[in-house]
Amino acid sequence: MSDDERFAQVGAALEVRAGWHYGPSTAPGGPASWCLDPGGKVVLAVNVVDGAVTVYVPENDLDVPVGDVDGLVAWLDAYGDRYLAG
């Protein structure tokens, strides 16, 4: 599966959740992200690089590898609510 196909799967999983939107890359050649920014500031960003889905937590400058879309959904179900308040 290509990164674009996996990114489309990520989008399908996130666009049904409150607060998520597509964010184009801010750096030339960088990956696009799906972003959660409930208070106007991005608190989570999800992208796909080399087939792997990663959640970026800007507050901690932390990349959380979740593997695939199922891993992403499981991680968000476990930890995502704490980021919804912004």
N, C-alpha and C. Protein backbone atom coordinates (compact mmCIF):
# COMPACT_ATOMS: atom_id res chain seq x y z
N MET A 1 0.85 -1.18 0.00
CA MET A 1 0.00 0.00 0.00
C MET A 1 0.89 1.24 0.00
N SER A 2 0.54 2.19 -0.84
CA SER A 2 1.35 3.42 -0.91
C SER A 2 1.02 4.33 0.27
N ASP A 3 1.92 5.29 0.51
CA ASP A 3 1.67 6.28 1.56
C ASP A 3 0.38 7.05 1.29
N ASP A 4 0.13 7.39 0.03
CA ASP A 4 -1.08 8.13 -0.31
C ASP A 4 -2.33 7.32 0.00
N GLU A 5 -2.31 6.03 -0.29
CA GLU A 5 -3.45 5.17 0.02
C GLU A 5 -3.66 5.05 1.53
N ARG A 6 -2.57 4.87 2.25
CA ARG A 6 -2.67 4.78 3.71
C ARG A 6 -3.14 6.10 4.30
N PHE A 7 -2.65 7.23 3.75
CA PHE A 7 -3.06 8.55 4.23
C PHE A 7 -4.56 8.75 4.00
N ALA A 8 -5.06 8.24 2.88
CA ALA A 8 -6.50 8.32 2.61
C ALA A 8 -7.28 7.51 3.64
N GLN A 9 -6.75 6.36 4.05
CA GLN A 9 -7.39 5.56 5.10
C GLN A 9 -7.40 6.32 6.43
N VAL A 10 -6.28 6.97 6.73
CA VAL A 10 -6.19 7.78 7.95
C VAL A 10 -7.27 8.87 7.90
N GLY A 11 -7.38 9.54 6.76
CA GLY A 11 -8.38 10.59 6.62
C GLY A 11 -9.79 10.08 6.83
N ALA A 12 -10.09 8.93 6.27
CA ALA A 12 -11.42 8.35 6.43
C ALA A 12 -11.72 8.05 7.90
N ALA A 13 -10.70 7.63 8.64
CA ALA A 13 -10.88 7.32 10.06
C ALA A 13 -11.01 8.59 10.90
N LEU A 14 -10.32 9.67 10.50
CA LEU A 14 -10.31 10.88 11.32
C LEU A 14 -11.40 11.89 10.99
N GLU A 15 -11.82 11.95 9.74
CA GLU A 15 -12.80 12.98 9.39
C GLU A 15 -14.16 12.74 10.04
N VAL A 16 -14.39 11.56 10.57
CA VAL A 16 -15.64 11.29 11.29
C VAL A 16 -15.53 11.64 12.78
N ARG A 17 -14.33 12.00 13.21
CA ARG A 17 -14.11 12.39 14.61
C ARG A 17 -14.12 13.91 14.72
N ALA A 18 -14.64 14.40 15.81
CA ALA A 18 -14.74 15.85 16.02
C ALA A 18 -13.36 16.50 16.08
N GLY A 19 -13.24 17.66 15.42
CA GLY A 19 -12.06 18.50 15.54
C GLY A 19 -10.92 18.23 14.59
N TRP A 20 -10.99 17.17 13.79
CA TRP A 20 -9.88 16.83 12.89
C TRP A 20 -10.06 17.48 11.53
N HIS A 21 -8.95 17.91 10.94
CA HIS A 21 -8.97 18.47 9.59
C HIS A 21 -7.66 18.17 8.88
N TYR A 22 -7.71 18.22 7.56
CA TYR A 22 -6.53 18.02 6.72
C TYR A 22 -5.65 19.26 6.81
N GLY A 23 -4.36 19.05 6.98
CA GLY A 23 -3.40 20.15 7.00
C GLY A 23 -2.29 19.89 5.99
N PRO A 24 -2.19 20.73 4.95
CA PRO A 24 -1.12 20.54 3.98
C PRO A 24 0.25 20.74 4.63
N SER A 25 1.27 20.22 4.00
CA SER A 25 2.62 20.36 4.52
C SER A 25 3.00 21.83 4.61
N THR A 26 3.69 22.18 5.68
CA THR A 26 4.18 23.55 5.84
C THR A 26 5.62 23.68 5.38
N ALA A 27 6.24 22.56 5.02
CA ALA A 27 7.62 22.56 4.52
C ALA A 27 7.64 21.93 3.13
N PRO A 28 8.39 22.50 2.21
CA PRO A 28 8.48 21.90 0.87
C PRO A 28 8.91 20.44 0.94
N GLY A 29 8.12 19.57 0.33
CA GLY A 29 8.45 18.16 0.30
C GLY A 29 8.08 17.40 1.55
N GLY A 30 7.59 18.10 2.56
CA GLY A 30 7.20 17.44 3.80
C GLY A 30 5.85 16.78 3.69
N PRO A 31 5.54 15.87 4.60
CA PRO A 31 4.26 15.17 4.51
C PRO A 31 3.10 16.05 4.98
N ALA A 32 1.94 15.85 4.38
CA ALA A 32 0.71 16.48 4.86
C ALA A 32 0.31 15.77 6.15
N SER A 33 -0.57 16.38 6.91
CA SER A 33 -1.00 15.81 8.17
C SER A 33 -2.50 15.97 8.35
N TRP A 34 -3.06 15.12 9.17
CA TRP A 34 -4.39 15.33 9.71
C TRP A 34 -4.16 15.92 11.09
N CYS A 35 -4.82 17.04 11.39
CA CYS A 35 -4.53 17.80 12.60
C CYS A 35 -5.76 17.92 13.50
N LEU A 36 -5.50 17.88 14.80
CA LEU A 36 -6.52 18.16 15.80
C LEU A 36 -6.12 19.45 16.48
N ASP A 37 -6.97 20.48 16.34
CA ASP A 37 -6.66 21.78 16.95
C ASP A 37 -7.92 22.40 17.56
N PRO A 38 -8.40 21.80 18.67
CA PRO A 38 -9.66 22.25 19.25
C PRO A 38 -9.65 23.69 19.77
N GLY A 39 -8.50 24.20 20.16
CA GLY A 39 -8.42 25.58 20.66
C GLY A 39 -7.71 26.50 19.70
N GLY A 40 -7.59 26.09 18.44
CA GLY A 40 -6.89 26.91 17.45
C GLY A 40 -5.41 26.62 17.36
N LYS A 41 -4.91 25.75 18.21
CA LYS A 41 -3.50 25.36 18.21
C LYS A 41 -3.45 23.84 18.01
N VAL A 42 -2.60 23.38 17.10
CA VAL A 42 -2.51 21.95 16.83
C VAL A 42 -2.00 21.22 18.07
N VAL A 43 -2.78 20.24 18.53
CA VAL A 43 -2.39 19.45 19.69
C VAL A 43 -1.98 18.03 19.30
N LEU A 44 -2.45 17.57 18.13
CA LEU A 44 -2.04 16.28 17.57
C LEU A 44 -1.97 16.42 16.05
N ALA A 45 -1.00 15.76 15.45
CA ALA A 45 -0.92 15.70 13.99
C ALA A 45 -0.59 14.27 13.61
N VAL A 46 -1.25 13.78 12.58
CA VAL A 46 -1.04 12.40 12.14
C VAL A 46 -0.58 12.43 10.69
N ASN A 47 0.52 11.70 10.42
CA ASN A 47 0.97 11.58 9.03
C ASN A 47 1.45 10.17 8.76
N VAL A 48 1.76 9.93 7.50
CA VAL A 48 2.22 8.61 7.05
C VAL A 48 3.53 8.80 6.31
N VAL A 49 4.56 8.09 6.75
CA VAL A 49 5.86 8.12 6.08
C VAL A 49 6.35 6.69 5.97
N ASP A 50 6.71 6.31 4.77
CA ASP A 50 7.19 4.95 4.50
C ASP A 50 6.21 3.89 5.00
N GLY A 51 4.92 4.17 4.82
CA GLY A 51 3.88 3.21 5.16
C GLY A 51 3.48 3.17 6.62
N ALA A 52 4.19 3.91 7.47
CA ALA A 52 3.91 3.88 8.90
C ALA A 52 3.12 5.11 9.33
N VAL A 53 2.09 4.88 10.12
CA VAL A 53 1.27 5.96 10.66
C VAL A 53 1.90 6.42 11.98
N THR A 54 2.05 7.75 12.10
CA THR A 54 2.66 8.33 13.30
C THR A 54 1.80 9.48 13.81
N VAL A 55 1.63 9.53 15.13
CA VAL A 55 0.96 10.64 15.79
C VAL A 55 2.05 11.53 16.36
N TYR A 56 2.00 12.82 16.01
CA TYR A 56 2.96 13.79 16.57
C TYR A 56 2.25 14.60 17.64
N VAL A 57 2.87 14.70 18.82
CA VAL A 57 2.34 15.48 19.94
C VAL A 57 3.26 16.70 20.12
N PRO A 58 2.87 17.86 19.54
CA PRO A 58 3.75 19.03 19.58
C PRO A 58 4.13 19.48 20.99
N GLU A 59 3.20 19.37 21.92
CA GLU A 59 3.45 19.82 23.30
C GLU A 59 4.71 19.17 23.88
N ASN A 60 4.95 17.91 23.52
CA ASN A 60 6.10 17.16 24.05
C ASN A 60 7.16 16.92 22.99
N ASP A 61 6.93 17.42 21.76
CA ASP A 61 7.81 17.14 20.62
C ASP A 61 8.05 15.63 20.52
N LEU A 62 6.95 14.89 20.53
CA LEU A 62 6.99 13.43 20.61
C LEU A 62 6.30 12.82 19.40
N ASP A 63 6.98 11.89 18.73
CA ASP A 63 6.38 11.09 17.67
C ASP A 63 5.99 9.74 18.26
N VAL A 64 4.73 9.37 18.07
CA VAL A 64 4.22 8.10 18.58
C VAL A 64 3.90 7.20 17.39
N PRO A 65 4.73 6.20 17.13
CA PRO A 65 4.43 5.28 16.03
C PRO A 65 3.27 4.38 16.41
N VAL A 66 2.23 4.37 15.57
CA VAL A 66 1.06 3.54 15.85
C VAL A 66 0.87 2.46 14.80
N GLY A 67 1.73 2.43 13.80
CA GLY A 67 1.75 1.35 12.81
C GLY A 67 0.81 1.55 11.65
N ASP A 68 -0.48 1.36 11.92
CA ASP A 68 -1.46 1.42 10.83
C ASP A 68 -2.72 2.11 11.34
N VAL A 69 -3.76 2.11 10.54
CA VAL A 69 -4.99 2.81 10.91
C VAL A 69 -5.64 2.17 12.13
N ASP A 70 -5.62 0.85 12.23
CA ASP A 70 -6.17 0.19 13.42
C ASP A 70 -5.42 0.62 14.67
N GLY A 71 -4.09 0.72 14.57
CA GLY A 71 -3.28 1.18 15.70
C GLY A 71 -3.59 2.62 16.06
N LEU A 72 -3.82 3.45 15.04
CA LEU A 72 -4.19 4.85 15.27
C LEU A 72 -5.51 4.94 16.01
N VAL A 73 -6.50 4.22 15.54
CA VAL A 73 -7.82 4.25 16.18
C VAL A 73 -7.71 3.77 17.62
N ALA A 74 -6.96 2.72 17.86
CA ALA A 74 -6.79 2.21 19.23
C ALA A 74 -6.11 3.24 20.11
N TRP A 75 -5.07 3.91 19.59
CA TRP A 75 -4.36 4.93 20.37
C TRP A 75 -5.28 6.10 20.68
N LEU A 76 -6.04 6.56 19.68
CA LEU A 76 -6.96 7.68 19.91
C LEU A 76 -8.07 7.30 20.89
N ASP A 77 -8.56 6.07 20.81
CA ASP A 77 -9.58 5.63 21.76
C ASP A 77 -9.03 5.62 23.18
N ALA A 78 -7.76 5.30 23.33
CA ALA A 78 -7.14 5.23 24.65
C ALA A 78 -6.69 6.60 25.17
N TYR A 79 -6.16 7.46 24.30
CA TYR A 79 -5.52 8.69 24.75
C TYR A 79 -6.08 9.98 24.15
N GLY A 80 -6.85 9.89 23.09
CA GLY A 80 -7.26 11.07 22.34
C GLY A 80 -8.12 12.07 23.10
N ASP A 81 -8.97 11.60 23.99
CA ASP A 81 -9.88 12.51 24.70
C ASP A 81 -9.13 13.57 25.49
N ARG A 82 -7.95 13.27 25.98
CA ARG A 82 -7.22 14.26 26.80
C ARG A 82 -6.78 15.46 25.97
N TYR A 83 -6.79 15.33 24.64
CA TYR A 83 -6.36 16.43 23.77
C TYR A 83 -7.52 17.24 23.21
N LEU A 84 -8.74 16.77 23.39
CA LEU A 84 -9.91 17.45 22.80
C LEU A 84 -10.20 18.81 23.41
N ALA A 85 -9.83 19.02 24.65
CA ALA A 85 -10.10 20.31 25.30
C ALA A 85 -9.16 21.40 24.82
N GLY A 86 -8.07 21.01 24.18
CA GLY A 86 -7.13 22.00 23.65
C GLY A 86 -6.18 22.47 24.61
